[in-house]
C-alpha atoms as a PDB file:
ATOM      1  CA  UNK A   1      45.262  89.838  86.997  1.00  0.00           C
ATOM      2  CA  UNK A   2      41.331  89.444  85.918  1.00  0.00           C
ATOM      3  CA  UNK A   3      41.604  85.692  86.153  1.00  0.00           C
ATOM      4  CA  UNK A   4      43.163  85.897  89.802  1.00  0.00           C
ATOM      5  CA  UNK A   5      40.366  88.421  91.062  1.00  0.00           C
ATOM      6  CA  UNK A   6      37.671  86.018  89.493  1.00  0.00           C
ATOM      7  CA  UNK A   7      39.340  82.833  91.282  1.00  0.00           C
ATOM      8  CA  UNK A   8      39.645  85.130  94.092  1.00  0.00           C
ATOM      9  CA  UNK A   9      35.938  85.932  94.283  1.00  0.00           C
ATOM     10  CA  UNK A  10      34.824  82.245  93.621  1.00  0.00           C
ATOM     11  CA  UNK A  11      37.104  81.182  96.620  1.00  0.00           C
ATOM     12  CA  UNK A  12      35.059  83.875  98.726  1.00  0.00           C
ATOM     13  CA  UNK A  13      31.823  82.897  97.439  1.00  0.00           C
ATOM     14  CA  UNK A  14      32.664  79.057  98.172  1.00  0.00           C
ATOM     15  CA  UNK A  15      33.661  79.772 101.596  1.00  0.00           C
ATOM     16  CA  UNK A  16      30.630  82.039 102.588  1.00  0.00           C
ATOM     17  CA  UNK A  17      28.386  79.189 101.500  1.00  0.00           C
ATOM     18  CA  UNK A  18      30.312  76.848 103.659  1.00  0.00           C
ATOM     19  CA  UNK A  19      30.044  78.948 106.665  1.00  0.00           C
ATOM     20  CA  UNK A  20      26.428  79.481 105.718  1.00  0.00           C
ATOM     21  CA  UNK A  21      25.748  76.066 105.626  1.00  0.00           C
ATOM     22  CA  UNK A  22      27.668  75.229 108.919  1.00  0.00           C
ATOM     23  CA  UNK A  23      25.748  77.952 110.720  1.00  0.00           C
ATOM     24  CA  UNK A  24      22.068  76.279 109.607  1.00  0.00           C
ATOM     25  CA  UNK A  25      23.274  72.524 110.093  1.00  0.00           C
ATOM     26  CA  UNK A  26      23.273  72.264 106.312  1.00  0.00           C
ATOM     27  CA  UNK A  27      25.872  70.390 104.083  1.00  0.00           C
ATOM     28  CA  UNK A  28      28.112  72.082 101.848  1.00  0.00           C
ATOM     29  CA  UNK A  29      29.436  69.405  99.257  1.00  0.00           C
ATOM     30  CA  UNK A  30      32.108  70.130  96.493  1.00  0.00           C
ATOM     31  CA  UNK A  31      31.797  67.731  93.611  1.00  0.00           C
ATOM     32  CA  UNK A  32      33.939  66.367  90.998  1.00  0.00           C
ATOM     33  CA  UNK A  33      32.957  69.360  88.654  1.00  0.00           C
ATOM     34  CA  UNK A  34      34.435  71.810  91.406  1.00  0.00           C
ATOM     35  CA  UNK A  35      30.521  72.889  92.139  1.00  0.00           C
ATOM     36  CA  UNK A  36      29.669  73.633  95.431  1.00  0.00           C
ATOM     37  CA  UNK A  37      26.259  71.284  96.099  1.00  0.00           C
ATOM     38  CA  UNK A  38      24.123  72.283  99.649  1.00  0.00           C
ATOM     39  CA  UNK A  39      22.044  70.383 101.192  1.00  0.00           C
ATOM     40  CA  UNK A  40      19.587  71.043 104.263  1.00  0.00           C
ATOM     41  CA  UNK A  41      21.265  68.247 105.909  1.00  0.00           C
ATOM     42  CA  UNK A  42      22.227  64.238 105.196  1.00  0.00           C
ATOM     43  CA  UNK A  43      19.776  63.273 102.129  1.00  0.00           C
ATOM     44  CA  UNK A  44      16.860  61.074 103.075  1.00  0.00           C
ATOM     45  CA  UNK A  45      16.241  60.611  99.457  1.00  0.00           C
ATOM     46  CA  UNK A  46      19.134  60.023  96.743  1.00  0.00           C
ATOM     47  CA  UNK A  47      18.596  59.141  93.040  1.00  0.00           C
ATOM     48  CA  UNK A  48      21.421  58.026  90.926  1.00  0.00           C
ATOM     49  CA  UNK A  49      21.289  58.381  86.740  1.00  0.00           C
ATOM     50  CA  UNK A  50      24.623  56.655  86.823  1.00  0.00           C
ATOM     51  CA  UNK A  51      25.974  53.195  87.791  1.00  0.00           C
ATOM     52  CA  UNK A  52      27.554  51.125  89.633  1.00  0.00           C
ATOM     53  CA  UNK A  53      26.993  54.445  92.094  1.00  0.00           C
ATOM     54  CA  UNK A  54      23.923  52.859  94.072  1.00  0.00           C
ATOM     55  CA  UNK A  55      26.051  49.980  95.388  1.00  0.00           C
ATOM     56  CA  UNK A  56      28.719  52.308  96.621  1.00  0.00           C
ATOM     57  CA  UNK A  57      26.286  54.282  98.271  1.00  0.00           C
ATOM     58  CA  UNK A  58      24.373  51.022  99.972  1.00  0.00           C
ATOM     59  CA  UNK A  59      28.168  50.111 100.948  1.00  0.00           C
ATOM     60  CA  UNK A  60      28.297  53.509 102.861  1.00  0.00           C
ATOM     61  CA  UNK A  61      25.260  53.468 104.194  1.00  0.00           C
ATOM     62  CA  UNK A  62      24.867  49.574 104.769  1.00  0.00           C
ATOM     63  CA  UNK A  63      21.400  49.745 103.670  1.00  0.00           C
ATOM     64  CA  UNK A  64      19.228  50.706 100.671  1.00  0.00           C
ATOM     65  CA  UNK A  65      16.457  52.710 101.996  1.00  0.00           C
ATOM     66  CA  UNK A  66      17.753  56.194 101.031  1.00  0.00           C
ATOM     67  CA  UNK A  67      18.046  55.218  97.363  1.00  0.00           C
ATOM     68  CA  UNK A  68      14.575  55.914  95.585  1.00  0.00           C
ATOM     69  CA  UNK A  69      15.964  55.953  91.594  1.00  0.00           C
ATOM     70  CA  UNK A  70      18.531  54.217  89.408  1.00  0.00           C
ATOM     71  CA  UNK A  71      19.770  53.431  85.994  1.00  0.00           C
ATOM     72  CA  UNK A  72      18.151  51.012  84.033  1.00  0.00           C
ATOM     73  CA  UNK A  73      21.379  48.955  83.773  1.00  0.00           C
ATOM     74  CA  UNK A  74      21.770  49.285  87.424  1.00  0.00           C
ATOM     75  CA  UNK A  75      18.177  47.630  87.946  1.00  0.00           C
ATOM     76  CA  UNK A  76      19.290  44.598  85.835  1.00  0.00           C
ATOM     77  CA  UNK A  77      22.208  43.970  87.624  1.00  0.00           C
ATOM     78  CA  UNK A  78      20.339  44.240  90.979  1.00  0.00           C
ATOM     79  CA  UNK A  79      17.826  41.736  89.703  1.00  0.00           C
ATOM     80  CA  UNK A  80      20.542  39.238  88.426  1.00  0.00           C
ATOM     81  CA  UNK A  81      23.100  39.125  91.134  1.00  0.00           C
ATOM     82  CA  UNK A  82      22.863  39.438  94.722  1.00  0.00           C
ATOM     83  CA  UNK A  83      21.591  42.877  95.514  1.00  0.00           C
ATOM     84  CA  UNK A  84      17.719  42.093  94.938  1.00  0.00           C
ATOM     85  CA  UNK A  85      18.463  39.328  97.609  1.00  0.00           C
ATOM     86  CA  UNK A  86      20.136  41.499 100.080  1.00  0.00           C
ATOM     87  CA  UNK A  87      17.780  44.529  99.446  1.00  0.00           C
ATOM     88  CA  UNK A  88      14.568  43.156  97.779  1.00  0.00           C
ATOM     89  CA  UNK A  89      13.391  46.946  97.388  1.00  0.00           C
ATOM     90  CA  UNK A  90      16.217  47.409  94.965  1.00  0.00           C
ATOM     91  CA  UNK A  91      14.432  44.993  92.484  1.00  0.00           C
ATOM     92  CA  UNK A  92      11.638  47.646  91.830  1.00  0.00           C
ATOM     93  CA  UNK A  93      13.529  50.741  92.030  1.00  0.00           C
ATOM     94  CA  UNK A  94      12.292  53.371  89.612  1.00  0.00           C
ATOM     95  CA  UNK A  95      14.278  54.202  86.618  1.00  0.00           C
ATOM     96  CA  UNK A  96      15.550  57.690  86.225  1.00  0.00           C
ATOM     97  CA  UNK A  97      17.678  57.266  83.253  1.00  0.00           C
ATOM     98  CA  UNK A  98      18.830  54.828  80.942  1.00  0.00           C
ATOM     99  CA  UNK A  99      22.159  53.641  78.936  1.00  0.00           C
ATOM    100  CA  UNK A 100      22.566  57.315  77.855  1.00  0.00           C
ATOM    101  CA  UNK A 101      22.425  59.014  81.175  1.00  0.00           C
ATOM    102  CA  UNK A 102      19.609  61.245  79.934  1.00  0.00           C
ATOM    103  CA  UNK A 103      17.547  62.135  83.168  1.00  0.00           C
ATOM    104  CA  UNK A 104      13.819  61.228  83.105  1.00  0.00           C
ATOM    105  CA  UNK A 105      12.752  64.986  84.825  1.00  0.00           C
ATOM    106  CA  UNK A 106       9.181  63.398  85.198  1.00  0.00           C
ATOM    107  CA  UNK A 107      10.125  60.666  87.325  1.00  0.00           C
ATOM    108  CA  UNK A 108      12.467  62.596  89.505  1.00  0.00           C
ATOM    109  CA  UNK A 109       9.578  65.013  90.109  1.00  0.00           C
ATOM    110  CA  UNK A 110       7.324  62.189  91.089  1.00  0.00           C
ATOM    111  CA  UNK A 111      10.335  60.871  93.682  1.00  0.00           C
ATOM    112  CA  UNK A 112      11.282  64.319  94.746  1.00  0.00           C
ATOM    113  CA  UNK A 113      14.757  63.258  95.995  1.00  0.00           C
ATOM    114  CA  UNK A 114      17.009  65.436  98.163  1.00  0.00           C
ATOM    115  CA  UNK A 115      19.869  65.070  95.781  1.00  0.00           C
ATOM    116  CA  UNK A 116      20.508  63.530  92.074  1.00  0.00           C
ATOM    117  CA  UNK A 117      23.909  62.152  91.167  1.00  0.00           C
ATOM    118  CA  UNK A 118      24.992  62.260  87.716  1.00  0.00           C
ATOM    119  CA  UNK A 119      28.072  62.412  85.201  1.00  0.00           C
ATOM    120  CA  UNK A 120      29.699  65.874  85.960  1.00  0.00           C
ATOM    121  CA  UNK A 121      31.944  65.591  82.842  1.00  0.00           C
ATOM    122  CA  UNK A 122      29.516  64.671  79.953  1.00  0.00           C
ATOM    123  CA  UNK A 123      28.166  68.240  79.263  1.00  0.00           C
ATOM    124  CA  UNK A 124      25.317  70.367  80.705  1.00  0.00           C
ATOM    125  CA  UNK A 125      22.662  68.512  78.572  1.00  0.00           C
ATOM    126  CA  UNK A 126      22.809  66.011  81.434  1.00  0.00           C
ATOM    127  CA  UNK A 127      22.868  68.085  84.375  1.00  0.00           C
ATOM    128  CA  UNK A 128      20.756  71.268  83.437  1.00  0.00           C
ATOM    129  CA  UNK A 129      17.484  69.620  83.048  1.00  0.00           C
ATOM    130  CA  UNK A 130      17.905  68.186  86.947  1.00  0.00           C
ATOM    131  CA  UNK A 131      18.791  71.585  88.466  1.00  0.00           C
ATOM    132  CA  UNK A 132      16.352  73.114  86.103  1.00  0.00           C
ATOM    133  CA  UNK A 133      13.616  71.040  88.303  1.00  0.00           C
ATOM    134  CA  UNK A 134      14.857  72.268  91.124  1.00  0.00           C
ATOM    135  CA  UNK A 135      17.092  69.434  92.520  1.00  0.00           C
ATOM    136  CA  UNK A 136      20.542  69.668  93.499  1.00  0.00           C
ATOM    137  CA  UNK A 137      23.072  68.046  91.525  1.00  0.00           C
ATOM    138  CA  UNK A 138      26.483  65.992  92.442  1.00  0.00           C
ATOM    139  CA  UNK A 139      28.462  65.518  89.570  1.00  0.00           C
ATOM    140  CA  UNK A 140      30.884  62.569  89.313  1.00  0.00           C
ATOM    141  CA  UNK A 141      33.851  61.937  87.171  1.00  0.00           C
ATOM    142  CA  UNK A 142      34.915  58.302  85.944  1.00  0.00           C
ATOM    143  CA  UNK A 143      37.969  56.613  85.044  1.00  0.00           C
ATOM    144  CA  UNK A 144      40.803  56.103  88.113  1.00  0.00           C
ATOM    145  CA  UNK A 145      40.927  54.654  91.617  1.00  0.00           C
ATOM    146  CA  UNK A 146      41.029  58.515  92.683  1.00  0.00           C
ATOM    147  CA  UNK A 147      37.705  58.812  91.299  1.00  0.00           C
ATOM    148  CA  UNK A 148      36.491  55.820  93.129  1.00  0.00           C
ATOM    149  CA  UNK A 149      37.800  57.027  96.298  1.00  0.00           C
ATOM    150  CA  UNK A 150      36.329  60.824  95.899  1.00  0.00           C
ATOM    151  CA  UNK A 151      32.686  59.027  94.977  1.00  0.00           C
ATOM    152  CA  UNK A 152      33.041  57.019  98.510  1.00  0.00           C
ATOM    153  CA  UNK A 153      34.042  60.487 100.006  1.00  0.00           C
ATOM    154  CA  UNK A 154      30.785  62.331  98.497  1.00  0.00           C
ATOM    155  CA  UNK A 155      28.546  59.541  98.966  1.00  0.00           C
ATOM    156  CA  UNK A 156      29.540  59.471 103.018  1.00  0.00           C
ATOM    157  CA  UNK A 157      28.984  63.162 102.970  1.00  0.00           C
ATOM    158  CA  UNK A 158      25.553  63.043 101.129  1.00  0.00           C
ATOM    159  CA  UNK A 159      24.842  60.325 104.034  1.00  0.00           C
ATOM    160  CA  UNK A 160      26.040  61.916 106.851  1.00  0.00           C
ATOM    161  CA  UNK A 161      28.853  59.505 107.583  1.00  0.00           C
ATOM    162  CA  UNK A 162      32.157  60.523 106.852  1.00  0.00           C
ATOM    163  CA  UNK A 163      33.912  58.109 109.148  1.00  0.00           C
ATOM    164  CA  UNK A 164      32.378  55.525 107.399  1.00  0.00           C
ATOM    165  CA  UNK A 165      33.646  56.600 104.028  1.00  0.00           C
ATOM    166  CA  UNK A 166      37.295  57.270 105.293  1.00  0.00           C
ATOM    167  CA  UNK A 167      36.926  53.647 106.570  1.00  0.00           C
ATOM    168  CA  UNK A 168      36.148  52.088 103.184  1.00  0.00           C
ATOM    169  CA  UNK A 169      38.722  54.188 101.112  1.00  0.00           C
ATOM    170  CA  UNK A 170      41.409  53.175 104.119  1.00  0.00           C
ATOM    171  CA  UNK A 171      40.463  49.565 103.205  1.00  0.00           C
ATOM    172  CA  UNK A 172      41.097  49.933  99.236  1.00  0.00           C
ATOM    173  CA  UNK A 173      44.168  51.533 100.218  1.00  0.00           C
ATOM    174  CA  UNK A 174      45.388  48.708 102.153  1.00  0.00           C
ATOM    175  CA  UNK A 175      44.184  46.067 100.071  1.00  0.00           C
ATOM    176  CA  UNK A 176      46.151  47.894  97.072  1.00  0.00           C
ATOM    177  CA  UNK A 177      49.472  48.094  99.343  1.00  0.00           C
ATOM    178  CA  UNK A 178      49.185  44.055 100.230  1.00  0.00           C
ATOM    179  CA  UNK A 179      48.215  43.130  96.320  1.00  0.00           C
ATOM    180  CA  UNK A 180      51.766  45.280  95.237  1.00  0.00           C
ATOM    181  CA  UNK A 181      53.364  43.021  97.505  1.00  0.00           C
ATOM    182  CA  UNK A 182      52.022  39.891  96.282  1.00  0.00           C
ATOM    183  CA  UNK A 183      52.884  40.914  92.761  1.00  0.00           C
ATOM    184  CA  UNK A 184      56.242  42.123  93.763  1.00  0.00           C
ATOM    185  CA  UNK A 185      57.099  38.682  95.217  1.00  0.00           C
ATOM    186  CA  UNK A 186      56.260  36.818  92.143  1.00  0.00           C
ATOM    187  CA  UNK A 187      59.221  35.518  90.270  1.00  0.00           C
ATOM    188  CA  UNK A 188      56.971  34.063  87.309  1.00  0.00           C
ATOM    189  CA  UNK A 189      56.243  36.055  84.030  1.00  0.00           C
ATOM    190  CA  UNK A 190      53.030  38.367  84.165  1.00  0.00           C
ATOM    191  CA  UNK A 191      50.468  36.615  82.226  1.00  0.00           C
ATOM    192  CA  UNK A 192      48.612  38.059  79.403  1.00  0.00           C
ATOM    193  CA  UNK A 193      45.243  39.062  79.789  1.00  0.00           C
ATOM    194  CA  UNK A 194      42.232  41.108  78.527  1.00  0.00           C
ATOM    195  CA  UNK A 195      38.688  41.942  79.152  1.00  0.00           C
ATOM    196  CA  UNK A 196      36.362  40.761  76.420  1.00  0.00           C
ATOM    197  CA  UNK A 197      32.522  41.414  75.560  1.00  0.00           C
ATOM    198  CA  UNK A 198      30.579  39.742  73.011  1.00  0.00           C
ATOM    199  CA  UNK A 199      27.112  40.473  71.394  1.00  0.00           C
ATOM    200  CA  UNK A 200      26.194  38.435  68.590  1.00  0.00           C
ATOM    201  CA  UNK A 201      29.201  37.498  66.777  1.00  0.00           C
ATOM    202  CA  UNK A 202      30.706  41.321  67.547  1.00  0.00           C
ATOM    203  CA  UNK A 203      33.328  41.248  70.021  1.00  0.00           C
ATOM    204  CA  UNK A 204      34.695  44.501  72.180  1.00  0.00           C
ATOM    205  CA  UNK A 205      37.241  45.294  74.694  1.00  0.00           C
ATOM    206  CA  UNK A 206      38.683  47.816  77.255  1.00  0.00           C
ATOM    207  CA  UNK A 207      41.586  50.508  76.647  1.00  0.00           C
ATOM    208  CA  UNK A 208      44.688  50.394  78.992  1.00  0.00           C
ATOM    209  CA  UNK A 209      43.651  54.107  79.478  1.00  0.00           C
ATOM    210  CA  UNK A 210      40.813  53.377  81.532  1.00  0.00           C
ATOM    211  CA  UNK A 211      40.362  51.674  84.841  1.00  0.00           C
ATOM    212  CA  UNK A 212      41.312  48.082  83.555  1.00  0.00           C
ATOM    213  CA  UNK A 213      44.986  49.803  82.704  1.00  0.00           C
ATOM    214  CA  UNK A 214      44.933  50.210  86.564  1.00  0.00           C
ATOM    215  CA  UNK A 215      43.672  47.091  87.842  1.00  0.00           C
ATOM    216  CA  UNK A 216      45.465  44.614  85.176  1.00  0.00           C
ATOM    217  CA  UNK A 217      48.666  46.119  86.556  1.00  0.00           C
ATOM    218  CA  UNK A 218      47.846  46.307  90.056  1.00  0.00           C
ATOM    219  CA  UNK A 219      47.107  42.374  89.990  1.00  0.00           C
ATOM    220  CA  UNK A 220      50.253  41.654  87.990  1.00  0.00           C
ATOM    221  CA  UNK A 221      48.846  41.219  84.556  1.00  0.00           C
ATOM    222  CA  UNK A 222      50.297  42.476  81.205  1.00  0.00           C
ATOM    223  CA  UNK A 223      46.861  43.641  79.480  1.00  0.00           C
ATOM    224  CA  UNK A 224      47.552  43.056  75.984  1.00  0.00           C
ATOM    225  CA  UNK A 225      45.194  46.129  74.673  1.00  0.00           C
ATOM    226  CA  UNK A 226      47.755  48.607  75.614  1.00  0.00           C
ATOM    227  CA  UNK A 227      47.974  51.013  72.898  1.00  0.00           C
ATOM    228  CA  UNK A 228      44.712  49.557  71.424  1.00  0.00           C
ATOM    229  CA  UNK A 229      42.531  52.775  70.434  1.00  0.00           C
ATOM    230  CA  UNK A 230      38.792  52.042  69.179  1.00  0.00           C
ATOM    231  CA  UNK A 231      36.179  54.528  69.743  1.00  0.00           C
ATOM    232  CA  UNK A 232      33.506  51.864  70.246  1.00  0.00           C
ATOM    233  CA  UNK A 233      36.092  49.488  71.753  1.00  0.00           C
ATOM    234  CA  UNK A 234      34.932  46.749  68.971  1.00  0.00           C
ATOM    235  CA  UNK A 235      37.616  44.510  67.996  1.00  0.00           C
ATOM    236  CA  UNK A 236      37.688  41.590  65.551  1.00  0.00           C
ATOM    237  CA  UNK A 237      38.709  38.027  66.056  1.00  0.00           C
ATOM    238  CA  UNK A 238      41.766  38.488  63.832  1.00  0.00           C
ATOM    239  CA  UNK A 239      42.989  41.056  66.327  1.00  0.00           C
ATOM    240  CA  UNK A 240      42.342  38.818  69.544  1.00  0.00           C
ATOM    241  CA  UNK A 241      44.564  36.210  67.625  1.00  0.00           C
ATOM    242  CA  UNK A 242      46.958  38.405  67.374  1.00  0.00           C
ATOM    243  CA  UNK A 243      47.073  39.302  70.954  1.00  0.00           C
ATOM    244  CA  UNK A 244      46.759  35.762  72.089  1.00  0.00           C
ATOM    245  CA  UNK A 245      45.917  36.557  75.655  1.00  0.00           C
ATOM    246  CA  UNK A 246      46.924  33.743  78.085  1.00  0.00           C
ATOM    247  CA  UNK A 247      43.478  34.627  80.058  1.00  0.00           C
ATOM    248  CA  UNK A 248      40.440  36.263  79.083  1.00  0.00           C
ATOM    249  CA  UNK A 249      38.200  37.596  81.415  1.00  0.00           C
ATOM    250  CA  UNK A 250      34.446  38.249  79.884  1.00  0.00           C
ATOM    251  CA  UNK A 251      32.438  41.511  80.905  1.00  0.00           C
ATOM    252  CA  UNK A 252      29.302  41.277  83.243  1.00  0.00           C
ATOM    253  CA  UNK A 253      27.609  43.847  80.929  1.00  0.00           C
ATOM    254  CA  UNK A 254      26.313  41.204  78.511  1.00  0.00           C
ATOM    255  CA  UNK A 255      25.292  37.698  78.268  1.00  0.00           C
ATOM    256  CA  UNK A 256      28.376  35.970  77.171  1.00  0.00           C
ATOM    257  CA  UNK A 257      29.892  33.063  78.512  1.00  0.00           C
ATOM    258  CA  UNK A 258      32.850  31.107  78.505  1.00  0.00           C
ATOM    259  CA  UNK A 259      31.109  28.151  76.498  1.00  0.00           C
ATOM    260  CA  UNK A 260      30.438  31.062  73.833  1.00  0.00           C
ATOM    261  CA  UNK A 261      33.967  31.966  73.431  1.00  0.00           C
ATOM    262  CA  UNK A 262      35.226  28.022  73.133  1.00  0.00           C
ATOM    263  CA  UNK A 263      32.524  27.568  70.449  1.00  0.00           C
ATOM    264  CA  UNK A 264      33.524  30.224  68.218  1.00  0.00           C
ATOM    265  CA  UNK A 265      36.209  28.572  65.253  1.00  0.00           C
ATOM    266  CA  UNK A 266      37.510  32.402  64.927  1.00  0.00           C
ATOM    267  CA  UNK A 267      39.097  31.856  68.352  1.00  0.00           C
ATOM    268  CA  UNK A 268      40.176  28.471  68.296  1.00  0.00           C
ATOM    269  CA  UNK A 269      43.904  29.160  68.129  1.00  0.00           C
ATOM    270  CA  UNK A 270      43.762  31.550  71.266  1.00  0.00           C
ATOM    271  CA  UNK A 271      45.783  30.294  74.025  1.00  0.00           C
ATOM    272  CA  UNK A 272      43.279  31.264  76.790  1.00  0.00           C
ATOM    273  CA  UNK A 273      40.755  28.916  74.677  1.00  0.00           C
ATOM    274  CA  UNK A 274      43.031  26.359  74.224  1.00  0.00           C
ATOM    275  CA  UNK A 275      43.678  26.055  77.933  1.00  0.00           C
ATOM    276  CA  UNK A 276      40.359  26.703  79.121  1.00  0.00           C
ATOM    277  CA  UNK A 277      41.171  30.028  80.966  1.00  0.00           C
ATOM    278  CA  UNK A 278      38.152  31.896  80.037  1.00  0.00           C
ATOM    279  CA  UNK A 279      36.272  33.203  82.933  1.00  0.00           C
ATOM    280  CA  UNK A 280      33.135  35.161  83.586  1.00  0.00           C
ATOM    281  CA  UNK A 281      33.771  38.166  85.936  1.00  0.00           C
ATOM    282  CA  UNK A 282      31.891  37.942  88.917  1.00  0.00           C
ATOM    283  CA  UNK A 283      28.522  39.706  89.941  1.00  0.00           C
ATOM    284  CA  UNK A 284      28.097  40.657  93.560  1.00  0.00           C
ATOM    285  CA  UNK A 285      26.351  43.695  95.013  1.00  0.00           C
ATOM    286  CA  UNK A 286      27.355  45.032  91.305  1.00  0.00           C
ATOM    287  CA  UNK A 287      29.140  43.876  88.419  1.00  0.00           C
ATOM    288  CA  UNK A 288      32.792  43.713  89.954  1.00  0.00           C
ATOM    289  CA  UNK A 289      35.003  44.716  86.908  1.00  0.00           C
ATOM    290  CA  UNK A 290      34.258  48.535  87.198  1.00  0.00           C
ATOM    291  CA  UNK A 291      35.289  50.333  90.126  1.00  0.00           C
ATOM    292  CA  UNK A 292      33.162  49.924  92.942  1.00  0.00           C
ATOM    293  CA  UNK A 293      32.642  49.145  96.785  1.00  0.00           C
ATOM    294  CA  UNK A 294      33.984  45.316  95.971  1.00  0.00           C
ATOM    295  CA  UNK A 295      36.885  46.300  93.962  1.00  0.00           C
ATOM    296  CA  UNK A 296      39.572  44.851  96.310  1.00  0.00           C
ATOM    297  CA  UNK A 297      37.608  41.500  96.054  1.00  0.00           C
ATOM    298  CA  UNK A 298      37.819  41.869  92.207  1.00  0.00           C
ATOM    299  CA  UNK A 299      41.538  42.543  92.814  1.00  0.00           C
ATOM    300  CA  UNK A 300      42.113  39.476  94.733  1.00  0.00           C
ATOM    301  CA  UNK A 301      39.897  36.918  92.384  1.00  0.00           C
ATOM    302  CA  UNK A 302      41.500  38.318  89.293  1.00  0.00           C
ATOM    303  CA  UNK A 303      45.040  37.621  90.948  1.00  0.00           C
ATOM    304  CA  UNK A 304      43.974  34.373  91.772  1.00  0.00           C
ATOM    305  CA  UNK A 305      42.609  33.528  88.346  1.00  0.00           C
ATOM    306  CA  UNK A 306      46.015  34.891  86.918  1.00  0.00           C
ATOM    307  CA  UNK A 307      48.069  33.022  89.068  1.00  0.00           C
ATOM    308  CA  UNK A 308      46.228  29.680  90.420  1.00  0.00           C
ATOM    309  CA  UNK A 309      49.079  28.632  92.639  1.00  0.00           C
ATOM    310  CA  UNK A 310      48.491  31.745  94.825  1.00  0.00           C
ATOM    311  CA  UNK A 311      45.811  30.169  96.224  1.00  0.00           C
ATOM    312  CA  UNK A 312      45.360  30.263 100.296  1.00  0.00           C
ATOM    313  CA  UNK A 313      41.925  29.051 100.696  1.00  0.00           C
ATOM    314  CA  UNK A 314      40.794  32.386 102.659  1.00  0.00           C
ATOM    315  CA  UNK A 315      38.835  34.081  99.378  1.00  0.00           C
ATOM    316  CA  UNK A 316      35.421  32.991 100.508  1.00  0.00           C
ATOM    317  CA  UNK A 317      36.186  33.970 103.948  1.00  0.00           C
ATOM    318  CA  UNK A 318      37.369  37.431 102.448  1.00  0.00           C
ATOM    319  CA  UNK A 319      33.936  37.450 100.476  1.00  0.00           C
ATOM    320  CA  UNK A 320      32.122  36.658 103.329  1.00  0.00           C
ATOM    321  CA  UNK A 321      33.605  39.169 105.803  1.00  0.00           C
ATOM    322  CA  UNK A 322      33.244  41.805 103.064  1.00  0.00           C
ATOM    323  CA  UNK A 323      29.674  41.417 102.383  1.00  0.00           C
ATOM    324  CA  UNK A 324      28.953  41.540 106.289  1.00  0.00           C
ATOM    325  CA  UNK A 325      30.931  44.771 106.501  1.00  0.00           C
ATOM    326  CA  UNK A 326      29.977  46.312 103.339  1.00  0.00           C
ATOM    327  CA  UNK A 327      26.209  45.457 103.319  1.00  0.00           C
ATOM    328  CA  UNK A 328      25.502  44.323 106.644  1.00  0.00           C
ATOM    329  CA  UNK A 329      24.543  40.932 104.899  1.00  0.00           C
ATOM    330  CA  UNK A 330      25.259  37.234 105.911  1.00  0.00           C
ATOM    331  CA  UNK A 331      26.179  35.610 102.697  1.00  0.00           C
ATOM    332  CA  UNK A 332      25.860  31.704 102.568  1.00  0.00           C
ATOM    333  CA  UNK A 333      27.811  29.260 100.658  1.00  0.00           C
ATOM    334  CA  UNK A 334      25.563  29.175  97.707  1.00  0.00           C
ATOM    335  CA  UNK A 335      25.338  32.679  97.009  1.00  0.00           C
ATOM    336  CA  UNK A 336      29.211  32.985  97.364  1.00  0.00           C
ATOM    337  CA  UNK A 337      28.785  30.424  94.234  1.00  0.00           C
ATOM    338  CA  UNK A 338      26.335  32.690  92.813  1.00  0.00           C
ATOM    339  CA  UNK A 339      28.717  35.788  93.250  1.00  0.00           C
ATOM    340  CA  UNK A 340      31.709  33.891  91.498  1.00  0.00           C
ATOM    341  CA  UNK A 341      29.651  32.366  88.707  1.00  0.00           C
ATOM    342  CA  UNK A 342      30.333  28.796  89.303  1.00  0.00           C
ATOM    343  CA  UNK A 343      27.248  28.132  86.989  1.00  0.00           C
ATOM    344  CA  UNK A 344      29.421  29.362  83.937  1.00  0.00           C
ATOM    345  CA  UNK A 345      33.195  28.946  85.355  1.00  0.00           C
ATOM    346  CA  UNK A 346      33.424  25.518  87.394  1.00  0.00           C
ATOM    347  CA  UNK A 347      35.228  23.854  84.347  1.00  0.00           C
ATOM    348  CA  UNK A 348      37.861  26.527  84.154  1.00  0.00           C
ATOM    349  CA  UNK A 349      41.244  25.964  84.642  1.00  0.00           C
ATOM    350  CA  UNK A 350      41.914  26.663  88.222  1.00  0.00           C
ATOM    351  CA  UNK A 351      38.836  27.382  89.198  1.00  0.00           C
ATOM    352  CA  UNK A 352      38.518  24.540  91.678  1.00  0.00           C
ATOM    353  CA  UNK A 353      40.629  26.830  94.229  1.00  0.00           C
ATOM    354  CA  UNK A 354      37.340  28.668  94.815  1.00  0.00           C
ATOM    355  CA  UNK A 355      35.183  25.588  95.802  1.00  0.00           C
ATOM    356  CA  UNK A 356      34.138  25.555  99.535  1.00  0.00           C
END
């Protein structure tokens, strides 16, 4: 009974907040923590302690003008990929958090954003300092396609563009349906594949419990790391040999290259190495391998890398159309080559399908 009364009281409070916000022209947003966040109206200045949130917000807004602060990792991606070309100001954005996501409150006070986007599932130590400084916090969760769609919806609310948010969600859902149909029509065995990161001589990978479990299955691959448990994600060459993936996709979060993998004698017996099927993942508005505005492009890239015979010669046109819609940017052929990492992937098996 007490729990029911508390729940009723909480609902009444949220309803009252929503009614008050509507009466004053303010925005009332329920974030992924279940917290109601009230803004005076669509935000003019937004700070992001997390990635890849800024690129998703930019896709919702079709611009970068409202973004005033970002994560250090996002800044690295902006400068290394297409984002700084599309939005030159993104190369000099203020950094409001590092890889630990601990907010730099002093910088936030200087920037004075209308709202700060932060992880909502990593404890109050990363949200409380922001709220204590007087800034509204929209908390996010990470890991599923549903989470991604909720981010798009939340960012569309923050920007005052709910219809645009629904448009992007509809595109993601349509692309999933079409991809599942492509996979269902295949009669060949599903390739065994994995994501691999390398730092020095140390390798790490991703678990099937995360977003890769969803997208590898979506595109018709068997993720070899199913059942793999490691807090750090580190994996030894012996385990990679035992998994013996047919395709390896290299993380965009490090400097590893297919040439590095081919040159490691410890992996010489891996089928992906022997058959030159190691590929650096694309870097567009952001690193494609994680959930983002460009995820449908990543799914198509993965599918065509896994199934080279699926080539239809339309992927470059799809990239061009997507960049125009997402970022209001006309991408050139040379820039598409950059996104697809032709500098590193040009000699990989089947990669000629992406030639202009």
